[in-house]
Amino acid sequence: MGRVINPDGALAQMEGCITMGLGYCLSEEIHFRGGAIQERNFDSYEIPHFSWLPKIETVLVENPGLEPQGGGEPPIVNMGAVVANAVFDATGARLYRLPLTPDRVQEAFKKG
């Protein structure tokens, strides 16, 4: 990340990305029928709710020798693998498709 100019902003960016990544990983899925998207609003497209988010502890690892860099959205990318590997460690069930819905976890658990 380089030198962090705005630690509060960087923390908020990382935590927001983790939240978005958890949504992609655990609940967000688009269904198509006849080429049309079925989820037309947020009543049927499940995004993360604050009530089911874990406590997020973010630590910024600064490298003062580098110029400041944009934080961007890298944490989003890792969440699927992080949670899928946690499920594997806990159950021995390997999942390869997101989102990791309860039905998919149960199905993988029965196979594993």
PDB file of N, CA and C in Angstrom:
ATOM      1  N   MET A   1       0.823  -1.188   0.000  1.00  0.00           N
ATOM      2  CA  MET A   1       0.000   0.000   0.000  1.00  0.00           C
ATOM      3  C   MET A   1       0.867   1.250   0.000  1.00  0.00           C
ATOM      4  N   GLY A   2       2.113   1.132   0.380  1.00  0.00           N
ATOM      5  CA  GLY A   2       2.944   2.331   0.478  1.00  0.00           C
ATOM      6  C   GLY A   2       2.643   3.093   1.751  1.00  0.00           C
ATOM      7  N   ARG A   3       2.954   4.360   1.745  1.00  0.00           N
ATOM      8  CA  ARG A   3       2.669   5.214   2.897  1.00  0.00           C
ATOM      9  C   ARG A   3       1.177   5.541   2.900  1.00  0.00           C
ATOM     10  N   VAL A   4       0.521   5.378   4.049  1.00  0.00           N
ATOM     11  CA  VAL A   4      -0.919   5.614   4.161  1.00  0.00           C
ATOM     12  C   VAL A   4      -1.149   7.068   4.570  1.00  0.00           C
ATOM     13  N   ILE A   5      -1.828   7.815   3.725  1.00  0.00           N
ATOM     14  CA  ILE A   5      -2.112   9.228   3.982  1.00  0.00           C
ATOM     15  C   ILE A   5      -3.346   9.384   4.864  1.00  0.00           C
ATOM     16  N   ASN A   6      -4.372   8.584   4.608  1.00  0.00           N
ATOM     17  CA  ASN A   6      -5.641   8.689   5.329  1.00  0.00           C
ATOM     18  C   ASN A   6      -5.992   7.316   5.905  1.00  0.00           C
ATOM     19  N   PRO A   7      -5.485   6.997   7.106  1.00  0.00           N
ATOM     20  CA  PRO A   7      -5.739   5.663   7.676  1.00  0.00           C
ATOM     21  C   PRO A   7      -7.219   5.332   7.840  1.00  0.00           C
ATOM     22  N   ASP A   8      -8.031   6.298   8.287  1.00  0.00           N
ATOM     23  CA  ASP A   8      -9.462   6.018   8.465  1.00  0.00           C
ATOM     24  C   ASP A   8     -10.123   5.688   7.126  1.00  0.00           C
ATOM     25  N   GLY A   9      -9.763   6.425   6.090  1.00  0.00           N
ATOM     26  CA  GLY A   9     -10.312   6.151   4.762  1.00  0.00           C
ATOM     27  C   GLY A   9      -9.862   4.801   4.236  1.00  0.00           C
ATOM     28  N   ALA A  10      -8.596   4.468   4.459  1.00  0.00           N
ATOM     29  CA  ALA A  10      -8.070   3.176   4.002  1.00  0.00           C
ATOM     30  C   ALA A  10      -8.758   2.026   4.729  1.00  0.00           C
ATOM     31  N   LEU A  11      -8.965   2.174   6.045  1.00  0.00           N
ATOM     32  CA  LEU A  11      -9.662   1.133   6.812  1.00  0.00           C
ATOM     33  C   LEU A  11     -11.096   0.966   6.325  1.00  0.00           C
ATOM     34  N   ALA A  12     -11.786   2.085   6.115  1.00  0.00           N
ATOM     35  CA  ALA A  12     -13.168   2.018   5.634  1.00  0.00           C
ATOM     36  C   ALA A  12     -13.233   1.350   4.265  1.00  0.00           C
ATOM     37  N   GLN A  13     -12.274   1.665   3.392  1.00  0.00           N
ATOM     38  CA  GLN A  13     -12.233   1.046   2.066  1.00  0.00           C
ATOM     39  C   GLN A  13     -12.056  -0.464   2.175  1.00  0.00           C
ATOM     40  N   MET A  14     -11.118  -0.903   2.999  1.00  0.00           N
ATOM     41  CA  MET A  14     -10.861  -2.336   3.144  1.00  0.00           C
ATOM     42  C   MET A  14     -12.065  -3.056   3.741  1.00  0.00           C
ATOM     43  N   GLU A  15     -12.668  -2.474   4.774  1.00  0.00           N
ATOM     44  CA  GLU A  15     -13.810  -3.122   5.427  1.00  0.00           C
ATOM     45  C   GLU A  15     -15.023  -3.160   4.505  1.00  0.00           C
ATOM     46  N   GLY A  16     -15.221  -2.115   3.710  1.00  0.00           N
ATOM     47  CA  GLY A  16     -16.299  -2.128   2.723  1.00  0.00           C
ATOM     48  C   GLY A  16     -16.086  -3.208   1.675  1.00  0.00           C
ATOM     49  N   CYS A  17     -14.841  -3.371   1.255  1.00  0.00           N
ATOM     50  CA  CYS A  17     -14.518  -4.413   0.267  1.00  0.00           C
ATOM     51  C   CYS A  17     -14.735  -5.809   0.841  1.00  0.00           C
ATOM     52  N   ILE A  18     -14.375  -5.999   2.089  1.00  0.00           N
ATOM     53  CA  ILE A  18     -14.600  -7.297   2.732  1.00  0.00           C
ATOM     54  C   ILE A  18     -16.097  -7.594   2.780  1.00  0.00           C
ATOM     55  N   THR A  19     -16.896  -6.588   3.122  1.00  0.00           N
ATOM     56  CA  THR A  19     -18.347  -6.752   3.161  1.00  0.00           C
ATOM     57  C   THR A  19     -18.892  -7.118   1.786  1.00  0.00           C
ATOM     58  N   MET A  20     -18.451  -6.400   0.756  1.00  0.00           N
ATOM     59  CA  MET A  20     -18.896  -6.720  -0.608  1.00  0.00           C
ATOM     60  C   MET A  20     -18.464  -8.130  -1.007  1.00  0.00           C
ATOM     61  N   GLY A  21     -17.235  -8.490  -0.679  1.00  0.00           N
ATOM     62  CA  GLY A  21     -16.733  -9.821  -1.010  1.00  0.00           C
ATOM     63  C   GLY A  21     -17.524 -10.918  -0.326  1.00  0.00           C
ATOM     64  N   LEU A  22     -17.932 -10.670   0.924  1.00  0.00           N
ATOM     65  CA  LEU A  22     -18.757 -11.655   1.628  1.00  0.00           C
ATOM     66  C   LEU A  22     -20.115 -11.808   0.951  1.00  0.00           C
ATOM     67  N   GLY A  23     -20.660 -10.709   0.461  1.00  0.00           N
ATOM     68  CA  GLY A  23     -21.924 -10.792  -0.270  1.00  0.00           C
ATOM     69  C   GLY A  23     -21.792 -11.652  -1.511  1.00  0.00           C
ATOM     70  N   TYR A  24     -20.747 -11.391  -2.308  1.00  0.00           N
ATOM     71  CA  TYR A  24     -20.519 -12.198  -3.507  1.00  0.00           C
ATOM     72  C   TYR A  24     -20.329 -13.661  -3.140  1.00  0.00           C
ATOM     73  N   CYS A  25     -19.651 -13.885  -2.040  1.00  0.00           N
ATOM     74  CA  CYS A  25     -19.278 -15.236  -1.626  1.00  0.00           C
ATOM     75  C   CYS A  25     -20.453 -16.015  -1.029  1.00  0.00           C
ATOM     76  N   LEU A  26     -21.303 -15.350  -0.273  1.00  0.00           N
ATOM     77  CA  LEU A  26     -22.313 -16.064   0.512  1.00  0.00           C
ATOM     78  C   LEU A  26     -23.743 -15.969  -0.010  1.00  0.00           C
ATOM     79  N   SER A  27     -24.086 -14.901  -0.722  1.00  0.00           N
ATOM     80  CA  SER A  27     -25.506 -14.768  -1.030  1.00  0.00           C
ATOM     81  C   SER A  27     -25.834 -14.218  -2.410  1.00  0.00           C
ATOM     82  N   GLU A  28     -24.977 -13.422  -3.001  1.00  0.00           N
ATOM     83  CA  GLU A  28     -25.354 -12.740  -4.236  1.00  0.00           C
ATOM     84  C   GLU A  28     -25.241 -13.666  -5.443  1.00  0.00           C
ATOM     85  N   GLU A  29     -26.350 -13.790  -6.164  1.00  0.00           N
ATOM     86  CA  GLU A  29     -26.381 -14.647  -7.350  1.00  0.00           C
ATOM     87  C   GLU A  29     -27.453 -14.126  -8.298  1.00  0.00           C
ATOM     88  N   ILE A  30     -27.113 -14.078  -9.563  1.00  0.00           N
ATOM     89  CA  ILE A  30     -28.056 -13.629 -10.584  1.00  0.00           C
ATOM     90  C   ILE A  30     -28.562 -14.855 -11.338  1.00  0.00           C
ATOM     91  N   HIS A  31     -29.873 -14.927 -11.498  1.00  0.00           N
ATOM     92  CA  HIS A  31     -30.505 -16.024 -12.238  1.00  0.00           C
ATOM     93  C   HIS A  31     -31.096 -15.470 -13.536  1.00  0.00           C
ATOM     94  N   PHE A  32     -30.982 -16.247 -14.589  1.00  0.00           N
ATOM     95  CA  PHE A  32     -31.511 -15.860 -15.893  1.00  0.00           C
ATOM     96  C   PHE A  32     -32.604 -16.833 -16.318  1.00  0.00           C
ATOM     97  N   ARG A  33     -33.611 -16.301 -16.985  1.00  0.00           N
ATOM     98  CA  ARG A  33     -34.647 -17.132 -17.597  1.00  0.00           C
ATOM     99  C   ARG A  33     -34.967 -16.509 -18.958  1.00  0.00           C
ATOM    100  N   GLY A  34     -34.761 -17.293 -19.999  1.00  0.00           N
ATOM    101  CA  GLY A  34     -35.018 -16.784 -21.342  1.00  0.00           C
ATOM    102  C   GLY A  34     -34.162 -15.574 -21.688  1.00  0.00           C
ATOM    103  N   GLY A  35     -32.969 -15.509 -21.131  1.00  0.00           N
ATOM    104  CA  GLY A  35     -32.060 -14.398 -21.397  1.00  0.00           C
ATOM    105  C   GLY A  35     -32.314 -13.162 -20.560  1.00  0.00           C
ATOM    106  N   ALA A  36     -33.317 -13.204 -19.688  1.00  0.00           N
ATOM    107  CA  ALA A  36     -33.646 -12.047 -18.848  1.00  0.00           C
ATOM    108  C   ALA A  36     -33.214 -12.298 -17.405  1.00  0.00           C
ATOM    109  N   ILE A  37     -32.721 -11.259 -16.770  1.00  0.00           N
ATOM    110  CA  ILE A  37     -32.341 -11.338 -15.358  1.00  0.00           C
ATOM    111  C   ILE A  37     -33.603 -11.414 -14.512  1.00  0.00           C
ATOM    112  N   GLN A  38     -33.655 -12.359 -13.581  1.00  0.00           N
ATOM    113  CA  GLN A  38     -34.834 -12.556 -12.737  1.00  0.00           C
ATOM    114  C   GLN A  38     -34.870 -11.622 -11.528  1.00  0.00           C
ATOM    115  N   GLU A  39     -33.702 -11.266 -11.005  1.00  0.00           N
ATOM    116  CA  GLU A  39     -33.650 -10.399  -9.831  1.00  0.00           C
ATOM    117  C   GLU A  39     -33.698  -8.947 -10.299  1.00  0.00           C
ATOM    118  N   ARG A  40     -34.861  -8.341 -10.201  1.00  0.00           N
ATOM    119  CA  ARG A  40     -35.045  -6.984 -10.706  1.00  0.00           C
ATOM    120  C   ARG A  40     -34.877  -5.909  -9.634  1.00  0.00           C
ATOM    121  N   ASN A  41     -34.804  -6.321  -8.371  1.00  0.00           N
ATOM    122  CA  ASN A  41     -34.641  -5.345  -7.291  1.00  0.00           C
ATOM    123  C   ASN A  41     -33.995  -6.048  -6.099  1.00  0.00           C
ATOM    124  N   PHE A  42     -33.779  -5.305  -5.033  1.00  0.00           N
ATOM    125  CA  PHE A  42     -33.100  -5.872  -3.873  1.00  0.00           C
ATOM    126  C   PHE A  42     -34.029  -6.664  -2.963  1.00  0.00           C
ATOM    127  N   ASP A  43     -35.293  -6.825  -3.353  1.00  0.00           N
ATOM    128  CA  ASP A  43     -36.169  -7.735  -2.619  1.00  0.00           C
ATOM    129  C   ASP A  43     -35.798  -9.184  -2.907  1.00  0.00           C
ATOM    130  N   SER A  44     -35.291  -9.436  -4.115  1.00  0.00           N
ATOM    131  CA  SER A  44     -34.956 -10.806  -4.491  1.00  0.00           C
ATOM    132  C   SER A  44     -33.456 -11.026  -4.697  1.00  0.00           C
ATOM    133  N   TYR A  45     -32.669  -9.952  -4.718  1.00  0.00           N
ATOM    134  CA  TYR A  45     -31.213 -10.074  -4.858  1.00  0.00           C
ATOM    135  C   TYR A  45     -30.602  -9.825  -3.487  1.00  0.00           C
ATOM    136  N   GLU A  46     -30.081 -10.864  -2.888  1.00  0.00           N
ATOM    137  CA  GLU A  46     -29.644 -10.833  -1.490  1.00  0.00           C
ATOM    138  C   GLU A  46     -28.259 -10.202  -1.349  1.00  0.00           C
ATOM    139  N   ILE A  47     -28.220  -9.015  -0.758  1.00  0.00           N
ATOM    140  CA  ILE A  47     -26.947  -8.360  -0.459  1.00  0.00           C
ATOM    141  C   ILE A  47     -26.659  -8.499   1.036  1.00  0.00           C
ATOM    142  N   PRO A  48     -25.419  -8.269   1.463  1.00  0.00           N
ATOM    143  CA  PRO A  48     -25.088  -8.433   2.890  1.00  0.00           C
ATOM    144  C   PRO A  48     -25.926  -7.515   3.785  1.00  0.00           C
ATOM    145  N   HIS A  49     -26.325  -8.047   4.913  1.00  0.00           N
ATOM    146  CA  HIS A  49     -27.019  -7.275   5.941  1.00  0.00           C
ATOM    147  C   HIS A  49     -26.041  -7.067   7.096  1.00  0.00           C
ATOM    148  N   PHE A  50     -26.067  -5.894   7.702  1.00  0.00           N
ATOM    149  CA  PHE A  50     -25.161  -5.649   8.821  1.00  0.00           C
ATOM    150  C   PHE A  50     -25.370  -6.660   9.940  1.00  0.00           C
ATOM    151  N   SER A  51     -26.596  -7.159  10.083  1.00  0.00           N
ATOM    152  CA  SER A  51     -26.891  -8.082  11.183  1.00  0.00           C
ATOM    153  C   SER A  51     -26.158  -9.416  11.049  1.00  0.00           C
ATOM    154  N   TRP A  52     -25.719  -9.806   9.842  1.00  0.00           N
ATOM    155  CA  TRP A  52     -25.005 -11.079   9.726  1.00  0.00           C
ATOM    156  C   TRP A  52     -23.543 -10.931   9.355  1.00  0.00           C
ATOM    157  N   LEU A  53     -23.018  -9.710   9.450  1.00  0.00           N
ATOM    158  CA  LEU A  53     -21.587  -9.513   9.191  1.00  0.00           C
ATOM    159  C   LEU A  53     -20.771  -9.849  10.435  1.00  0.00           C
ATOM    160  N   PRO A  54     -19.620 -10.465  10.245  1.00  0.00           N
ATOM    161  CA  PRO A  54     -18.742 -10.730  11.391  1.00  0.00           C
ATOM    162  C   PRO A  54     -18.040  -9.451  11.816  1.00  0.00           C
ATOM    163  N   LYS A  55     -17.440  -9.495  12.980  1.00  0.00           N
ATOM    164  CA  LYS A  55     -16.587  -8.385  13.391  1.00  0.00           C
ATOM    165  C   LYS A  55     -15.361  -8.403  12.471  1.00  0.00           C
ATOM    166  N   ILE A  56     -15.053  -7.264  11.888  1.00  0.00           N
ATOM    167  CA  ILE A  56     -13.924  -7.175  10.962  1.00  0.00           C
ATOM    168  C   ILE A  56     -12.807  -6.394  11.639  1.00  0.00           C
ATOM    169  N   GLU A  57     -11.662  -7.025  11.768  1.00  0.00           N
ATOM    170  CA  GLU A  57     -10.488  -6.357  12.335  1.00  0.00           C
ATOM    171  C   GLU A  57      -9.480  -6.148  11.217  1.00  0.00           C
ATOM    172  N   THR A  58      -9.272  -4.904  10.844  1.00  0.00           N
ATOM    173  CA  THR A  58      -8.397  -4.576   9.730  1.00  0.00           C
ATOM    174  C   THR A  58      -7.099  -3.986  10.246  1.00  0.00           C
ATOM    175  N   VAL A  59      -6.002  -4.458   9.712  1.00  0.00           N
ATOM    176  CA  VAL A  59      -4.677  -3.937  10.064  1.00  0.00           C
ATOM    177  C   VAL A  59      -4.023  -3.445   8.779  1.00  0.00           C
ATOM    178  N   LEU A  60      -3.632  -2.198   8.763  1.00  0.00           N
ATOM    179  CA  LEU A  60      -2.929  -1.650   7.607  1.00  0.00           C
ATOM    180  C   LEU A  60      -1.441  -1.931   7.757  1.00  0.00           C
ATOM    181  N   VAL A  61      -0.857  -2.511   6.745  1.00  0.00           N
ATOM    182  CA  VAL A  61       0.579  -2.778   6.742  1.00  0.00           C
ATOM    183  C   VAL A  61       1.205  -1.737   5.819  1.00  0.00           C
ATOM    184  N   GLU A  62       1.833  -0.788   6.447  1.00  0.00           N
ATOM    185  CA  GLU A  62       2.380   0.346   5.714  1.00  0.00           C
ATOM    186  C   GLU A  62       3.822   0.080   5.308  1.00  0.00           C
ATOM    187  N   ASN A  63       4.207   0.583   4.160  1.00  0.00           N
ATOM    188  CA  ASN A  63       5.598   0.548   3.728  1.00  0.00           C
ATOM    189  C   ASN A  63       6.016   1.986   3.460  1.00  0.00           C
ATOM    190  N   PRO A  64       6.558   2.658   4.483  1.00  0.00           N
ATOM    191  CA  PRO A  64       6.886   4.078   4.342  1.00  0.00           C
ATOM    192  C   PRO A  64       7.903   4.365   3.241  1.00  0.00           C
ATOM    193  N   GLY A  65       8.628   3.355   2.781  1.00  0.00           N
ATOM    194  CA  GLY A  65       9.606   3.562   1.723  1.00  0.00           C
ATOM    195  C   GLY A  65       8.985   3.716   0.346  1.00  0.00           C
ATOM    196  N   LEU A  66       7.707   3.385   0.209  1.00  0.00           N
ATOM    197  CA  LEU A  66       7.019   3.506  -1.076  1.00  0.00           C
ATOM    198  C   LEU A  66       6.131   4.740  -1.090  1.00  0.00           C
ATOM    199  N   GLU A  67       5.923   5.266  -2.263  1.00  0.00           N
ATOM    200  CA  GLU A  67       4.985   6.373  -2.420  1.00  0.00           C
ATOM    201  C   GLU A  67       3.575   5.866  -2.123  1.00  0.00           C
ATOM    202  N   PRO A  68       2.668   6.761  -1.729  1.00  0.00           N
ATOM    203  CA  PRO A  68       1.286   6.343  -1.484  1.00  0.00           C
ATOM    204  C   PRO A  68       0.678   5.693  -2.728  1.00  0.00           C
ATOM    205  N   GLN A  69      -0.081   4.631  -2.513  1.00  0.00           N
ATOM    206  CA  GLN A  69      -0.763   3.909  -3.584  1.00  0.00           C
ATOM    207  C   GLN A  69      -2.260   3.893  -3.280  1.00  0.00           C
ATOM    208  N   GLY A  70      -3.046   3.700  -4.286  1.00  0.00           N
ATOM    209  CA  GLY A  70      -4.481   3.566  -4.070  1.00  0.00           C
ATOM    210  C   GLY A  70      -4.802   2.234  -3.410  1.00  0.00           C
ATOM    211  N   GLY A  71      -5.738   2.252  -2.471  1.00  0.00           N
ATOM    212  CA  GLY A  71      -6.141   1.011  -1.812  1.00  0.00           C
ATOM    213  C   GLY A  71      -6.992   0.137  -2.712  1.00  0.00           C
ATOM    214  N   GLY A  72      -7.813   0.778  -3.525  1.00  0.00           N
ATOM    215  CA  GLY A  72      -8.641   0.030  -4.469  1.00  0.00           C
ATOM    216  C   GLY A  72      -9.547  -0.980  -3.792  1.00  0.00           C
ATOM    217  N   GLU A  73      -9.796  -2.074  -4.481  1.00  0.00           N
ATOM    218  CA  GLU A  73     -10.732  -3.076  -3.986  1.00  0.00           C
ATOM    219  C   GLU A  73     -10.162  -4.491  -3.966  1.00  0.00           C
ATOM    220  N   PRO A  74      -8.860  -4.669  -3.713  1.00  0.00           N
ATOM    221  CA  PRO A  74      -8.297  -6.022  -3.693  1.00  0.00           C
ATOM    222  C   PRO A  74      -8.944  -6.977  -2.694  1.00  0.00           C
ATOM    223  N   PRO A  75      -9.408  -6.539  -1.513  1.00  0.00           N
ATOM    224  CA  PRO A  75      -9.969  -7.524  -0.577  1.00  0.00           C
ATOM    225  C   PRO A  75     -11.196  -8.261  -1.101  1.00  0.00           C
ATOM    226  N   ILE A  76     -11.911  -7.685  -2.062  1.00  0.00           N
ATOM    227  CA  ILE A  76     -13.097  -8.359  -2.601  1.00  0.00           C
ATOM    228  C   ILE A  76     -12.710  -9.703  -3.214  1.00  0.00           C
ATOM    229  N   VAL A  77     -11.605  -9.714  -3.923  1.00  0.00           N
ATOM    230  CA  VAL A  77     -11.194 -10.877  -4.710  1.00  0.00           C
ATOM    231  C   VAL A  77     -10.956 -12.108  -3.845  1.00  0.00           C
ATOM    232  N   ASN A  78     -10.440 -11.930  -2.654  1.00  0.00           N
ATOM    233  CA  ASN A  78     -10.023 -13.055  -1.815  1.00  0.00           C
ATOM    234  C   ASN A  78     -11.145 -13.741  -1.046  1.00  0.00           C
ATOM    235  N   MET A  79     -12.267 -13.090  -0.856  1.00  0.00           N
ATOM    236  CA  MET A  79     -13.256 -13.582   0.100  1.00  0.00           C
ATOM    237  C   MET A  79     -13.817 -14.955  -0.253  1.00  0.00           C
ATOM    238  N   GLY A  80     -14.083 -15.230  -1.512  1.00  0.00           N
ATOM    239  CA  GLY A  80     -14.603 -16.547  -1.885  1.00  0.00           C
ATOM    240  C   GLY A  80     -13.659 -17.664  -1.493  1.00  0.00           C
ATOM    241  N   ALA A  81     -12.376 -17.490  -1.800  1.00  0.00           N
ATOM    242  CA  ALA A  81     -11.381 -18.513  -1.459  1.00  0.00           C
ATOM    243  C   ALA A  81     -11.202 -18.630   0.045  1.00  0.00           C
ATOM    244  N   VAL A  82     -11.223 -17.502   0.742  1.00  0.00           N
ATOM    245  CA  VAL A  82     -11.048 -17.514   2.200  1.00  0.00           C
ATOM    246  C   VAL A  82     -12.169 -18.314   2.864  1.00  0.00           C
ATOM    247  N   VAL A  83     -13.403 -18.014   2.505  1.00  0.00           N
ATOM    248  CA  VAL A  83     -14.541 -18.691   3.141  1.00  0.00           C
ATOM    249  C   VAL A  83     -14.633 -20.147   2.679  1.00  0.00           C
ATOM    250  N   ALA A  84     -14.406 -20.411   1.395  1.00  0.00           N
ATOM    251  CA  ALA A  84     -14.448 -21.799   0.907  1.00  0.00           C
ATOM    252  C   ALA A  84     -13.390 -22.650   1.598  1.00  0.00           C
ATOM    253  N   ASN A  85     -12.208 -22.103   1.810  1.00  0.00           N
ATOM    254  CA  ASN A  85     -11.165 -22.856   2.514  1.00  0.00           C
ATOM    255  C   ASN A  85     -11.502 -23.040   3.988  1.00  0.00           C
ATOM    256  N   ALA A  86     -12.178 -22.070   4.593  1.00  0.00           N
ATOM    257  CA  ALA A  86     -12.615 -22.231   5.985  1.00  0.00           C
ATOM    258  C   ALA A  86     -13.648 -23.354   6.089  1.00  0.00           C
ATOM    259  N   VAL A  87     -14.575 -23.408   5.128  1.00  0.00           N
ATOM    260  CA  VAL A  87     -15.559 -24.498   5.105  1.00  0.00           C
ATOM    261  C   VAL A  87     -14.846 -25.838   4.936  1.00  0.00           C
ATOM    262  N   PHE A  88     -13.864 -25.892   4.049  1.00  0.00           N
ATOM    263  CA  PHE A  88     -13.101 -27.125   3.843  1.00  0.00           C
ATOM    264  C   PHE A  88     -12.368 -27.532   5.119  1.00  0.00           C
ATOM    265  N   ASP A  89     -11.711 -26.575   5.773  1.00  0.00           N
ATOM    266  CA  ASP A  89     -10.993 -26.885   7.016  1.00  0.00           C
ATOM    267  C   ASP A  89     -11.934 -27.412   8.094  1.00  0.00           C
ATOM    268  N   ALA A  90     -13.151 -26.858   8.155  1.00  0.00           N
ATOM    269  CA  ALA A  90     -14.093 -27.247   9.201  1.00  0.00           C
ATOM    270  C   ALA A  90     -14.813 -28.556   8.894  1.00  0.00           C
ATOM    271  N   THR A  91     -15.056 -28.829   7.605  1.00  0.00           N
ATOM    272  CA  THR A  91     -15.926 -29.957   7.266  1.00  0.00           C
ATOM    273  C   THR A  91     -15.298 -30.987   6.332  1.00  0.00           C
ATOM    274  N   GLY A  92     -14.234 -30.617   5.648  1.00  0.00           N
ATOM    275  CA  GLY A  92     -13.663 -31.496   4.632  1.00  0.00           C
ATOM    276  C   GLY A  92     -14.391 -31.407   3.305  1.00  0.00           C
ATOM    277  N   ALA A  93     -15.417 -30.550   3.229  1.00  0.00           N
ATOM    278  CA  ALA A  93     -16.189 -30.377   1.996  1.00  0.00           C
ATOM    279  C   ALA A  93     -15.561 -29.273   1.153  1.00  0.00           C
ATOM    280  N   ARG A  94     -15.245 -29.591  -0.089  1.00  0.00           N
ATOM    281  CA  ARG A  94     -14.629 -28.628  -0.997  1.00  0.00           C
ATOM    282  C   ARG A  94     -15.709 -28.037  -1.899  1.00  0.00           C
ATOM    283  N   LEU A  95     -15.802 -26.713  -1.915  1.00  0.00           N
ATOM    284  CA  LEU A  95     -16.781 -26.019  -2.748  1.00  0.00           C
ATOM    285  C   LEU A  95     -16.057 -25.259  -3.849  1.00  0.00           C
ATOM    286  N   TYR A  96     -16.652 -25.265  -5.048  1.00  0.00           N
ATOM    287  CA  TYR A  96     -16.020 -24.637  -6.205  1.00  0.00           C
ATOM    288  C   TYR A  96     -16.896 -23.583  -6.871  1.00  0.00           C
ATOM    289  N   ARG A  97     -18.101 -23.373  -6.377  1.00  0.00           N
ATOM    290  CA  ARG A  97     -19.028 -22.443  -7.027  1.00  0.00           C
ATOM    291  C   ARG A  97     -19.577 -21.462  -6.003  1.00  0.00           C
ATOM    292  N   LEU A  98     -19.578 -20.200  -6.372  1.00  0.00           N
ATOM    293  CA  LEU A  98     -20.146 -19.157  -5.525  1.00  0.00           C
ATOM    294  C   LEU A  98     -21.556 -18.850  -5.995  1.00  0.00           C
ATOM    295  N   PRO A  99     -22.428 -18.406  -5.110  1.00  0.00           N
ATOM    296  CA  PRO A  99     -22.192 -18.224  -3.686  1.00  0.00           C
ATOM    297  C   PRO A  99     -22.227 -19.547  -2.933  1.00  0.00           C
ATOM    298  N   LEU A 100     -21.611 -19.535  -1.787  1.00  0.00           N
ATOM    299  CA  LEU A 100     -21.542 -20.722  -0.932  1.00  0.00           C
ATOM    300  C   LEU A 100     -22.814 -20.788  -0.087  1.00  0.00           C
ATOM    301  N   THR A 101     -23.906 -21.149  -0.728  1.00  0.00           N
ATOM    302  CA  THR A 101     -25.197 -21.201  -0.050  1.00  0.00           C
ATOM    303  C   THR A 101     -25.251 -22.411   0.879  1.00  0.00           C
ATOM    304  N   PRO A 102     -26.137 -22.387   1.865  1.00  0.00           N
ATOM    305  CA  PRO A 102     -26.282 -23.552   2.741  1.00  0.00           C
ATOM    306  C   PRO A 102     -26.558 -24.838   1.958  1.00  0.00           C
ATOM    307  N   ASP A 103     -27.380 -24.765   0.915  1.00  0.00           N
ATOM    308  CA  ASP A 103     -27.663 -25.963   0.111  1.00  0.00           C
ATOM    309  C   ASP A 103     -26.401 -26.496  -0.559  1.00  0.00           C
ATOM    310  N   ARG A 104     -25.581 -25.611  -1.081  1.00  0.00           N
ATOM    311  CA  ARG A 104     -24.344 -26.048  -1.740  1.00  0.00           C
ATOM    312  C   ARG A 104     -23.347 -26.614  -0.739  1.00  0.00           C
ATOM    313  N   VAL A 105     -23.300 -26.030   0.446  1.00  0.00           N
ATOM    314  CA  VAL A 105     -22.405 -26.552   1.486  1.00  0.00           C
ATOM    315  C   VAL A 105     -22.867 -27.946   1.893  1.00  0.00           C
ATOM    316  N   GLN A 106     -24.175 -28.126   2.114  1.00  0.00           N
ATOM    317  CA  GLN A 106     -24.703 -29.447   2.480  1.00  0.00           C
ATOM    318  C   GLN A 106     -24.424 -30.479   1.395  1.00  0.00           C
ATOM    319  N   GLU A 107     -24.618 -30.098   0.141  1.00  0.00           N
ATOM    320  CA  GLU A 107     -24.374 -31.018  -0.970  1.00  0.00           C
ATOM    321  C   GLU A 107     -22.900 -31.428  -1.030  1.00  0.00           C
ATOM    322  N   ALA A 108     -22.001 -30.472  -0.870  1.00  0.00           N
ATOM    323  CA  ALA A 108     -20.564 -30.779  -0.882  1.00  0.00           C
ATOM    324  C   ALA A 108     -20.186 -31.641   0.313  1.00  0.00           C
ATOM    325  N   PHE A 109     -20.819 -31.384   1.460  1.00  0.00           N
ATOM    326  CA  PHE A 109     -20.532 -32.160   2.667  1.00  0.00           C
ATOM    327  C   PHE A 109     -20.940 -33.621   2.475  1.00  0.00           C
ATOM    328  N   LYS A 110     -22.079 -33.849   1.830  1.00  0.00           N
ATOM    329  CA  LYS A 110     -22.541 -35.218   1.580  1.00  0.00           C
ATOM    330  C   LYS A 110     -21.611 -35.953   0.622  1.00  0.00           C
ATOM    331  N   LYS A 111     -21.062 -35.234  -0.355  1.00  0.00           N
ATOM    332  CA  LYS A 111     -20.145 -35.847  -1.330  1.00  0.00           C
ATOM    333  C   LYS A 111     -18.784 -36.140  -0.723  1.00  0.00           C
ATOM    334  N   GLY A 112     -18.365 -35.253   0.217  1.00  0.00           N
ATOM    335  CA  GLY A 112     -17.012 -35.354   0.758  1.00  0.00           C
ATOM    336  C   GLY A 112     -16.878 -36.361   1.822  1.00  0.00           C
TER     337      GLY A 112
END
